[in-house]
All heavy atoms as atom14 arrays in JSON, in Angstrom:
{
  "sequence": "SGRTFTAYAMGWFRQAPGKDREFVAAISWSGGRIYYADSVKGRF",
  "atom14_mask": [
    [1, 1, 1, 1, 1, 1, 0, 0, 0, 0, 0, 0, 0, 0],
    [1, 1, 1, 1, 0, 0, 0, 0, 0, 0, 0, 0, 0, 0],
    [1, 1, 1, 1, 1, 1, 1, 1, 1, 1, 1, 0, 0, 0],
    [1, 1, 1, 1, 1, 1, 1, 0, 0, 0, 0, 0, 0, 0],
    [1, 1, 1, 1, 1, 1, 1, 1, 1, 1, 1, 0, 0, 0],
    [1, 1, 1, 1, 1, 1, 1, 0, 0, 0, 0, 0, 0, 0],
    [1, 1, 1, 1, 1, 0, 0, 0, 0, 0, 0, 0, 0, 0],
    [1, 1, 1, 1, 1, 1, 1, 1, 1, 1, 1, 1, 0, 0],
    [1, 1, 1, 1, 1, 0, 0, 0, 0, 0, 0, 0, 0, 0],
    [1, 1, 1, 1, 1, 1, 1, 1, 0, 0, 0, 0, 0, 0],
    [1, 1, 1, 1, 0, 0, 0, 0, 0, 0, 0, 0, 0, 0],
    [1, 1, 1, 1, 1, 1, 1, 1, 1, 1, 1, 1, 1, 1],
    [1, 1, 1, 1, 1, 1, 1, 1, 1, 1, 1, 0, 0, 0],
    [1, 1, 1, 1, 1, 1, 1, 1, 1, 1, 1, 0, 0, 0],
    [1, 1, 1, 1, 1, 1, 1, 1, 1, 0, 0, 0, 0, 0],
    [1, 1, 1, 1, 1, 0, 0, 0, 0, 0, 0, 0, 0, 0],
    [1, 1, 1, 1, 1, 1, 1, 0, 0, 0, 0, 0, 0, 0],
    [1, 1, 1, 1, 0, 0, 0, 0, 0, 0, 0, 0, 0, 0],
    [1, 1, 1, 1, 1, 1, 1, 1, 1, 0, 0, 0, 0, 0],
    [1, 1, 1, 1, 1, 1, 1, 1, 0, 0, 0, 0, 0, 0],
    [1, 1, 1, 1, 1, 1, 1, 1, 1, 1, 1, 0, 0, 0],
    [1, 1, 1, 1, 1, 1, 1, 1, 1, 0, 0, 0, 0, 0],
    [1, 1, 1, 1, 1, 1, 1, 1, 1, 1, 1, 0, 0, 0],
    [1, 1, 1, 1, 1, 1, 1, 0, 0, 0, 0, 0, 0, 0],
    [1, 1, 1, 1, 1, 0, 0, 0, 0, 0, 0, 0, 0, 0],
    [1, 1, 1, 1, 1, 0, 0, 0, 0, 0, 0, 0, 0, 0],
    [1, 1, 1, 1, 1, 1, 1, 1, 0, 0, 0, 0, 0, 0],
    [1, 1, 1, 1, 1, 1, 0, 0, 0, 0, 0, 0, 0, 0],
    [1, 1, 1, 1, 1, 1, 1, 1, 1, 1, 1, 1, 1, 1],
    [1, 1, 1, 1, 1, 1, 0, 0, 0, 0, 0, 0, 0, 0],
    [1, 1, 1, 1, 0, 0, 0, 0, 0, 0, 0, 0, 0, 0],
    [1, 1, 1, 1, 0, 0, 0, 0, 0, 0, 0, 0, 0, 0],
    [1, 1, 1, 1, 1, 1, 1, 1, 1, 1, 1, 0, 0, 0],
    [1, 1, 1, 1, 1, 1, 1, 1, 0, 0, 0, 0, 0, 0],
    [1, 1, 1, 1, 1, 1, 1, 1, 1, 1, 1, 1, 0, 0],
    [1, 1, 1, 1, 1, 1, 1, 1, 1, 1, 1, 1, 0, 0],
    [1, 1, 1, 1, 1, 0, 0, 0, 0, 0, 0, 0, 0, 0],
    [1, 1, 1, 1, 1, 1, 1, 1, 0, 0, 0, 0, 0, 0],
    [1, 1, 1, 1, 1, 1, 0, 0, 0, 0, 0, 0, 0, 0],
    [1, 1, 1, 1, 1, 1, 1, 0, 0, 0, 0, 0, 0, 0],
    [1, 1, 1, 1, 1, 1, 1, 1, 1, 0, 0, 0, 0, 0],
    [1, 1, 1, 1, 0, 0, 0, 0, 0, 0, 0, 0, 0, 0],
    [1, 1, 1, 1, 1, 1, 1, 1, 1, 1, 1, 0, 0, 0],
    [1, 1, 1, 1, 1, 1, 1, 1, 1, 1, 1, 0, 0, 0]
  ],
  "atom14_positions": [
    [[111.45, 109.74, 84.59], [111.5, 111.19, 84.64], [110.82, 111.72, 83.39], [110.43, 110.97, 82.52], [112.93, 111.7, 84.71], [113.53, 111.61, 83.45], [0.0, 0.0, 0.0], [0.0, 0.0, 0.0], [0.0, 0.0, 0.0], [0.0, 0.0, 0.0], [0.0, 0.0, 0.0], [0.0, 0.0, 0.0], [0.0, 0.0, 0.0], [0.0, 0.0, 0.0]],
    [[110.75, 113.02, 83.31], [110.16, 113.6, 82.13], [111.14, 113.76, 81.0], [110.78, 114.24, 79.93], [0.0, 0.0, 0.0], [0.0, 0.0, 0.0], [0.0, 0.0, 0.0], [0.0, 0.0, 0.0], [0.0, 0.0, 0.0], [0.0, 0.0, 0.0], [0.0, 0.0, 0.0], [0.0, 0.0, 0.0], [0.0, 0.0, 0.0], [0.0, 0.0, 0.0]],
    [[112.4, 113.33, 81.25], [113.42, 113.49, 80.22], [113.24, 112.45, 79.12], [112.64, 111.41, 79.32], [114.81, 113.34, 80.85], [115.07, 114.3, 81.99], [115.16, 115.73, 81.53], [115.43, 116.64, 82.64], [116.64, 116.98, 83.02], [117.69, 116.5, 82.37], [116.81, 117.78, 84.03], [0.0, 0.0, 0.0], [0.0, 0.0, 0.0], [0.0, 0.0, 0.0]],
    [[113.8, 112.74, 78.0], [113.73, 111.83, 76.87], [114.75, 110.72, 77.04], [115.94, 110.98, 77.13], [114.0, 112.58, 75.56], [113.06, 113.64, 75.45], [113.86, 111.63, 74.38], [0.0, 0.0, 0.0], [0.0, 0.0, 0.0], [0.0, 0.0, 0.0], [0.0, 0.0, 0.0], [0.0, 0.0, 0.0], [0.0, 0.0, 0.0], [0.0, 0.0, 0.0]],
    [[114.27, 109.47, 77.07], [115.14, 108.32, 77.28], [116.24, 108.25, 76.24], [117.39, 107.95, 76.54], [114.28, 107.04, 77.25], [115.03, 105.78, 77.51], [115.69, 105.57, 78.71], [115.08, 104.77, 76.56], [116.37, 104.39, 78.96], [115.75, 103.58, 76.8], [116.4, 103.4, 78.0], [0.0, 0.0, 0.0], [0.0, 0.0, 0.0], [0.0, 0.0, 0.0]],
    [[115.89, 108.57, 75.01], [116.87, 108.43, 73.94], [117.9, 109.54, 73.94], [118.81, 109.54, 73.12], [116.18, 108.37, 72.57], [115.3, 109.5, 72.45], [115.35, 107.1, 72.42], [0.0, 0.0, 0.0], [0.0, 0.0, 0.0], [0.0, 0.0, 0.0], [0.0, 0.0, 0.0], [0.0, 0.0, 0.0], [0.0, 0.0, 0.0], [0.0, 0.0, 0.0]],
    [[117.8, 110.47, 74.88], [118.82, 111.52, 74.98], [120.05, 111.02, 75.73], [121.06, 111.71, 75.76], [118.26, 112.73, 75.69], [0.0, 0.0, 0.0], [0.0, 0.0, 0.0], [0.0, 0.0, 0.0], [0.0, 0.0, 0.0], [0.0, 0.0, 0.0], [0.0, 0.0, 0.0], [0.0, 0.0, 0.0], [0.0, 0.0, 0.0], [0.0, 0.0, 0.0]],
    [[119.96, 109.83, 76.32], [121.03, 109.36, 77.19], [121.6, 108.03, 76.75], [120.89, 107.12, 76.35], [120.5, 109.2, 78.62], [120.04, 110.49, 79.23], [118.7, 110.85, 79.19], [120.94, 111.35, 79.83], [118.27, 112.03, 79.73], [120.51, 112.54, 80.38], [119.18, 112.88, 80.33], [118.76, 114.06, 80.86], [0.0, 0.0, 0.0], [0.0, 0.0, 0.0]],
    [[122.92, 107.94, 76.87], [123.56, 106.64, 76.86], [123.3, 106.01, 78.23], [123.23, 106.72, 79.23], [125.06, 106.78, 76.62], [0.0, 0.0, 0.0], [0.0, 0.0, 0.0], [0.0, 0.0, 0.0], [0.0, 0.0, 0.0], [0.0, 0.0, 0.0], [0.0, 0.0, 0.0], [0.0, 0.0, 0.0], [0.0, 0.0, 0.0], [0.0, 0.0, 0.0]],
    [[123.16, 104.71, 78.25], [122.86, 104.01, 79.49], [123.94, 102.96, 79.75], [124.54, 102.42, 78.8], [121.5, 103.33, 79.4], [120.35, 104.25, 79.09], [120.0, 105.42, 80.41], [119.44, 104.31, 81.7], [0.0, 0.0, 0.0], [0.0, 0.0, 0.0], [0.0, 0.0, 0.0], [0.0, 0.0, 0.0], [0.0, 0.0, 0.0], [0.0, 0.0, 0.0]],
    [[124.14, 102.67, 81.01], [125.17, 101.68, 81.31], [125.03, 101.07, 82.68], [124.15, 101.44, 83.46], [0.0, 0.0, 0.0], [0.0, 0.0, 0.0], [0.0, 0.0, 0.0], [0.0, 0.0, 0.0], [0.0, 0.0, 0.0], [0.0, 0.0, 0.0], [0.0, 0.0, 0.0], [0.0, 0.0, 0.0], [0.0, 0.0, 0.0], [0.0, 0.0, 0.0]],
    [[125.92, 100.13, 82.93], [125.98, 99.45, 84.22], [127.41, 99.46, 84.74], [128.36, 99.23, 83.99], [125.5, 98.01, 84.09], [124.06, 97.88, 83.75], [123.52, 97.8, 82.5], [122.96, 97.81, 84.66], [122.15, 97.7, 82.58], [121.78, 97.7, 83.89], [122.84, 97.84, 86.05], [120.51, 97.61, 84.47], [121.59, 97.75, 86.63], [120.44, 97.64, 85.84]],
    [[127.51, 99.72, 86.03], [128.77, 99.61, 86.76], [128.53, 98.65, 87.93], [127.39, 98.37, 88.29], [129.21, 100.97, 87.28], [129.73, 101.88, 86.21], [128.87, 102.47, 85.29], [131.08, 102.16, 86.12], [129.34, 103.3, 84.29], [131.57, 103.0, 85.13], [130.7, 103.57, 84.22], [0.0, 0.0, 0.0], [0.0, 0.0, 0.0], [0.0, 0.0, 0.0]],
    [[129.6, 98.2, 88.53], [129.45, 97.35, 89.71], [130.57, 97.64, 90.7], [131.64, 98.11, 90.34], [129.45, 95.88, 89.33], [130.76, 95.35, 88.78], [130.6, 93.91, 88.3], [131.85, 93.35, 87.81], [131.95, 92.15, 87.24], [130.87, 91.37, 87.08], [133.13, 91.71, 86.81], [0.0, 0.0, 0.0], [0.0, 0.0, 0.0], [0.0, 0.0, 0.0]],
    [[130.27, 97.33, 91.96], [131.27, 97.5, 93.0], [131.21, 96.31, 93.93], [130.19, 96.08, 94.61], [131.04, 98.8, 93.79], [132.13, 99.1, 94.78], [132.07, 100.52, 95.31], [131.03, 101.19, 95.22], [133.18, 101.0, 95.87], [0.0, 0.0, 0.0], [0.0, 0.0, 0.0], [0.0, 0.0, 0.0], [0.0, 0.0, 0.0], [0.0, 0.0, 0.0]],
    [[132.28, 95.55, 93.93], [132.39, 94.4, 94.82], [132.92, 94.85, 96.17], [133.57, 95.9, 96.27], [133.33, 93.37, 94.2], [0.0, 0.0, 0.0], [0.0, 0.0, 0.0], [0.0, 0.0, 0.0], [0.0, 0.0, 0.0], [0.0, 0.0, 0.0], [0.0, 0.0, 0.0], [0.0, 0.0, 0.0], [0.0, 0.0, 0.0], [0.0, 0.0, 0.0]],
    [[132.68, 94.07, 97.21], [133.16, 94.46, 98.55], [134.68, 94.69, 98.55], [135.45, 93.86, 98.06], [132.79, 93.25, 99.41], [131.62, 92.64, 98.72], [131.88, 92.84, 97.25], [0.0, 0.0, 0.0], [0.0, 0.0, 0.0], [0.0, 0.0, 0.0], [0.0, 0.0, 0.0], [0.0, 0.0, 0.0], [0.0, 0.0, 0.0], [0.0, 0.0, 0.0]],
    [[135.07, 95.83, 99.08], [136.49, 96.13, 99.19], [137.16, 96.55, 97.91], [138.38, 96.73, 97.86], [0.0, 0.0, 0.0], [0.0, 0.0, 0.0], [0.0, 0.0, 0.0], [0.0, 0.0, 0.0], [0.0, 0.0, 0.0], [0.0, 0.0, 0.0], [0.0, 0.0, 0.0], [0.0, 0.0, 0.0], [0.0, 0.0, 0.0], [0.0, 0.0, 0.0]],
    [[136.38, 96.73, 96.84], [136.97, 97.09, 95.56], [136.36, 98.39, 95.04], [135.31, 98.83, 95.49], [136.76, 95.98, 94.53], [137.49, 94.69, 94.87], [137.38, 93.7, 93.74], [138.17, 92.43, 94.03], [138.09, 91.45, 92.92], [0.0, 0.0, 0.0], [0.0, 0.0, 0.0], [0.0, 0.0, 0.0], [0.0, 0.0, 0.0], [0.0, 0.0, 0.0]],
    [[137.03, 99.0, 94.08], [136.52, 100.2, 93.46], [135.38, 99.86, 92.5], [135.29, 98.73, 91.99], [137.63, 100.91, 92.68], [138.69, 101.49, 93.59], [138.39, 101.79, 94.75], [139.84, 101.65, 93.11], [0.0, 0.0, 0.0], [0.0, 0.0, 0.0], [0.0, 0.0, 0.0], [0.0, 0.0, 0.0], [0.0, 0.0, 0.0], [0.0, 0.0, 0.0]],
    [[134.56, 100.83, 92.26], [133.5, 100.67, 91.28], [134.14, 100.5, 89.88], [135.14, 101.16, 89.58], [132.59, 101.89, 91.28], [131.36, 101.78, 90.38], [130.41, 102.91, 90.69], [131.03, 104.2, 90.55], [130.52, 105.34, 91.02], [129.35, 105.31, 91.66], [131.14, 106.48, 90.84], [0.0, 0.0, 0.0], [0.0, 0.0, 0.0], [0.0, 0.0, 0.0]],
    [[133.56, 99.62, 89.07], [134.14, 99.37, 87.76], [133.05, 99.33, 86.69], [131.89, 98.99, 86.94], [134.92, 98.06, 87.74], [134.07, 96.82, 87.99], [134.89, 95.53, 87.87], [136.1, 95.58, 87.66], [134.26, 94.45, 87.99], [0.0, 0.0, 0.0], [0.0, 0.0, 0.0], [0.0, 0.0, 0.0], [0.0, 0.0, 0.0], [0.0, 0.0, 0.0]],
    [[133.46, 99.67, 85.49], [132.57, 99.65, 84.33], [132.22, 98.21, 83.97], [133.08, 97.32, 84.01], [133.27, 100.33, 83.15], [132.6, 100.14, 81.83], [131.46, 100.86, 81.52], [133.1, 99.25, 80.91], [130.84, 100.68, 80.3], [132.5, 99.07, 79.69], [131.36, 99.8, 79.37], [0.0, 0.0, 0.0], [0.0, 0.0, 0.0], [0.0, 0.0, 0.0]],
    [[130.95, 97.99, 83.59], [130.51, 96.67, 83.15], [130.09, 96.7, 81.68], [130.59, 95.94, 80.87], [129.33, 96.16, 84.01], [128.81, 94.83, 83.47], [129.76, 96.02, 85.46], [0.0, 0.0, 0.0], [0.0, 0.0, 0.0], [0.0, 0.0, 0.0], [0.0, 0.0, 0.0], [0.0, 0.0, 0.0], [0.0, 0.0, 0.0], [0.0, 0.0, 0.0]],
    [[129.14, 97.59, 81.35], [128.62, 97.64, 79.98], [127.94, 98.98, 79.74], [127.47, 99.62, 80.7], [127.63, 96.51, 79.74], [0.0, 0.0, 0.0], [0.0, 0.0, 0.0], [0.0, 0.0, 0.0], [0.0, 0.0, 0.0], [0.0, 0.0, 0.0], [0.0, 0.0, 0.0], [0.0, 0.0, 0.0], [0.0, 0.0, 0.0], [0.0, 0.0, 0.0]],
    [[127.89, 99.38, 78.48], [127.23, 100.63, 78.11], [126.62, 100.5, 76.73], [127.13, 99.75, 75.88], [128.2, 101.8, 78.16], [0.0, 0.0, 0.0], [0.0, 0.0, 0.0], [0.0, 0.0, 0.0], [0.0, 0.0, 0.0], [0.0, 0.0, 0.0], [0.0, 0.0, 0.0], [0.0, 0.0, 0.0], [0.0, 0.0, 0.0], [0.0, 0.0, 0.0]],
    [[125.55, 101.25, 76.51], [124.86, 101.25, 75.22], [124.51, 102.68, 74.86], [124.06, 103.46, 75.7], [123.61, 100.34, 75.28], [122.96, 100.21, 73.9], [122.62, 100.82, 76.32], [121.9, 99.11, 73.84], [0.0, 0.0, 0.0], [0.0, 0.0, 0.0], [0.0, 0.0, 0.0], [0.0, 0.0, 0.0], [0.0, 0.0, 0.0], [0.0, 0.0, 0.0]],
    [[124.73, 103.05, 73.61], [124.47, 104.42, 73.17], [122.97, 104.68, 73.11], [122.15, 103.76, 73.19], [125.1, 104.65, 71.8], [124.49, 103.8, 70.83], [0.0, 0.0, 0.0], [0.0, 0.0, 0.0], [0.0, 0.0, 0.0], [0.0, 0.0, 0.0], [0.0, 0.0, 0.0], [0.0, 0.0, 0.0], [0.0, 0.0, 0.0], [0.0, 0.0, 0.0]],
    [[122.62, 105.95, 72.92], [121.21, 106.32, 72.92], [120.44, 105.61, 71.82], [119.26, 105.28, 71.96], [121.06, 107.83, 72.78], [121.5, 108.37, 71.45], [122.74, 108.8, 71.1], [120.7, 108.49, 70.26], [122.77, 109.19, 69.8], [121.53, 109.02, 69.26], [119.36, 108.23, 69.96], [121.07, 109.27, 67.97], [118.91, 108.49, 68.68], [119.76, 108.99, 67.7]],
    [[121.1, 105.33, 70.72], [120.44, 104.67, 69.59], [120.51, 103.15, 69.69], [119.82, 102.44, 68.94], [121.09, 105.1, 68.28], [122.42, 104.6, 68.21], [0.0, 0.0, 0.0], [0.0, 0.0, 0.0], [0.0, 0.0, 0.0], [0.0, 0.0, 0.0], [0.0, 0.0, 0.0], [0.0, 0.0, 0.0], [0.0, 0.0, 0.0], [0.0, 0.0, 0.0]],
    [[121.37, 102.67, 70.56], [121.61, 101.23, 70.62], [122.64, 100.75, 69.63], [122.97, 99.57, 69.57], [0.0, 0.0, 0.0], [0.0, 0.0, 0.0], [0.0, 0.0, 0.0], [0.0, 0.0, 0.0], [0.0, 0.0, 0.0], [0.0, 0.0, 0.0], [0.0, 0.0, 0.0], [0.0, 0.0, 0.0], [0.0, 0.0, 0.0], [0.0, 0.0, 0.0]],
    [[123.17, 101.68, 68.85], [124.09, 101.3, 67.8], [125.51, 101.02, 68.27], [126.29, 100.37, 67.56], [0.0, 0.0, 0.0], [0.0, 0.0, 0.0], [0.0, 0.0, 0.0], [0.0, 0.0, 0.0], [0.0, 0.0, 0.0], [0.0, 0.0, 0.0], [0.0, 0.0, 0.0], [0.0, 0.0, 0.0], [0.0, 0.0, 0.0], [0.0, 0.0, 0.0]],
    [[125.86, 101.54, 69.41], [127.19, 101.28, 69.97], [127.06, 100.64, 71.34], [126.32, 101.11, 72.19], [128.0, 102.58, 70.07], [128.48, 103.11, 68.75], [129.34, 104.33, 68.96], [128.56, 105.47, 69.44], [129.1, 106.54, 69.99], [130.4, 106.62, 70.14], [128.33, 107.54, 70.38], [0.0, 0.0, 0.0], [0.0, 0.0, 0.0], [0.0, 0.0, 0.0]],
    [[127.78, 99.55, 71.5], [127.74, 98.79, 72.75], [129.17, 98.47, 73.17], [130.01, 98.1, 72.31], [126.91, 97.51, 72.59], [125.42, 97.86, 72.41], [127.1, 96.58, 73.77], [124.53, 96.67, 72.13], [0.0, 0.0, 0.0], [0.0, 0.0, 0.0], [0.0, 0.0, 0.0], [0.0, 0.0, 0.0], [0.0, 0.0, 0.0], [0.0, 0.0, 0.0]],
    [[129.43, 98.58, 74.44], [130.75, 98.28, 74.98], [130.61, 97.4, 76.21], [129.66, 97.53, 76.98], [131.48, 99.57, 75.37], [131.67, 100.54, 74.24], [130.72, 101.51, 73.96], [132.81, 100.49, 73.44], [130.89, 102.4, 72.92], [133.0, 101.38, 72.4], [132.03, 102.34, 72.14], [132.2, 103.21, 71.11], [0.0, 0.0, 0.0], [0.0, 0.0, 0.0]],
    [[131.6, 96.52, 76.38], [131.63, 95.64, 77.55], [133.02, 95.64, 78.17], [134.03, 95.77, 77.47], [131.29, 94.2, 77.16], [129.89, 93.99, 76.64], [129.64, 93.87, 75.28], [128.82, 93.91, 77.52], [128.36, 93.68, 74.8], [127.53, 93.7, 77.05], [127.31, 93.6, 75.68], [126.04, 93.4, 75.21], [0.0, 0.0, 0.0], [0.0, 0.0, 0.0]],
    [[133.06, 95.44, 79.47], [134.33, 95.16, 80.13], [134.8, 93.78, 79.67], [133.98, 92.89, 79.41], [134.16, 95.18, 81.64], [0.0, 0.0, 0.0], [0.0, 0.0, 0.0], [0.0, 0.0, 0.0], [0.0, 0.0, 0.0], [0.0, 0.0, 0.0], [0.0, 0.0, 0.0], [0.0, 0.0, 0.0], [0.0, 0.0, 0.0], [0.0, 0.0, 0.0]],
    [[136.1, 93.61, 79.59], [136.64, 92.33, 79.14], [136.16, 91.18, 80.02], [135.95, 90.06, 79.53], [138.16, 92.37, 79.14], [138.72, 93.24, 78.02], [137.97, 93.54, 77.07], [139.89, 93.64, 78.11], [0.0, 0.0, 0.0], [0.0, 0.0, 0.0], [0.0, 0.0, 0.0], [0.0, 0.0, 0.0], [0.0, 0.0, 0.0], [0.0, 0.0, 0.0]],
    [[135.97, 91.45, 81.29], [135.61, 90.39, 82.24], [134.21, 89.82, 82.02], [133.9, 88.74, 82.53], [135.74, 90.91, 83.67], [134.9, 92.04, 83.86], [0.0, 0.0, 0.0], [0.0, 0.0, 0.0], [0.0, 0.0, 0.0], [0.0, 0.0, 0.0], [0.0, 0.0, 0.0], [0.0, 0.0, 0.0], [0.0, 0.0, 0.0], [0.0, 0.0, 0.0]],
    [[133.37, 90.54, 81.27], [132.0, 90.07, 81.07], [131.67, 89.78, 79.62], [130.55, 89.31, 79.32], [130.98, 91.08, 81.65], [131.29, 91.39, 83.1], [130.91, 92.35, 80.82], [0.0, 0.0, 0.0], [0.0, 0.0, 0.0], [0.0, 0.0, 0.0], [0.0, 0.0, 0.0], [0.0, 0.0, 0.0], [0.0, 0.0, 0.0], [0.0, 0.0, 0.0]],
    [[132.58, 90.06, 78.71], [132.33, 89.83, 77.29], [131.97, 88.37, 77.04], [132.62, 87.46, 77.57], [133.56, 90.19, 76.47], [133.68, 91.66, 76.17], [134.92, 91.95, 75.32], [135.08, 93.43, 75.08], [136.34, 93.73, 74.35], [0.0, 0.0, 0.0], [0.0, 0.0, 0.0], [0.0, 0.0, 0.0], [0.0, 0.0, 0.0], [0.0, 0.0, 0.0]],
    [[130.93, 88.17, 76.25], [130.5, 86.83, 75.92], [129.56, 86.23, 76.94], [128.96, 85.17, 76.69], [0.0, 0.0, 0.0], [0.0, 0.0, 0.0], [0.0, 0.0, 0.0], [0.0, 0.0, 0.0], [0.0, 0.0, 0.0], [0.0, 0.0, 0.0], [0.0, 0.0, 0.0], [0.0, 0.0, 0.0], [0.0, 0.0, 0.0], [0.0, 0.0, 0.0]],
    [[129.41, 86.88, 78.09], [128.51, 86.37, 79.14], [127.35, 87.32, 79.41], [126.26, 86.88, 79.73], [129.3, 86.13, 80.44], [130.44, 85.15, 80.3], [131.05, 84.82, 81.67], [131.62, 85.99, 82.33], [131.24, 86.43, 83.52], [130.28, 85.81, 84.2], [131.83, 87.51, 84.05], [0.0, 0.0, 0.0], [0.0, 0.0, 0.0], [0.0, 0.0, 0.0]],
    [[127.62, 88.63, 79.33], [126.61, 89.64, 79.62], [126.16, 90.3, 78.32], [126.96, 90.47, 77.39], [127.17, 90.72, 80.54], [127.44, 90.28, 81.95], [127.42, 88.94, 82.33], [127.72, 91.23, 82.93], [127.68, 88.56, 83.64], [127.97, 90.86, 84.24], [127.96, 89.52, 84.59], [0.0, 0.0, 0.0], [0.0, 0.0, 0.0], [0.0, 0.0, 0.0]]
  ]
}
């Protein structure tokens, strides 16, 4: 898009069959803050 990429935090969610959508990982606009779901820490 024409928007500035660094204006946004970016992340990933997932939804398995029959389950609710859940948070996986997120990164701040600067890359300085990163968060992971416990289920993927150390692997993703």
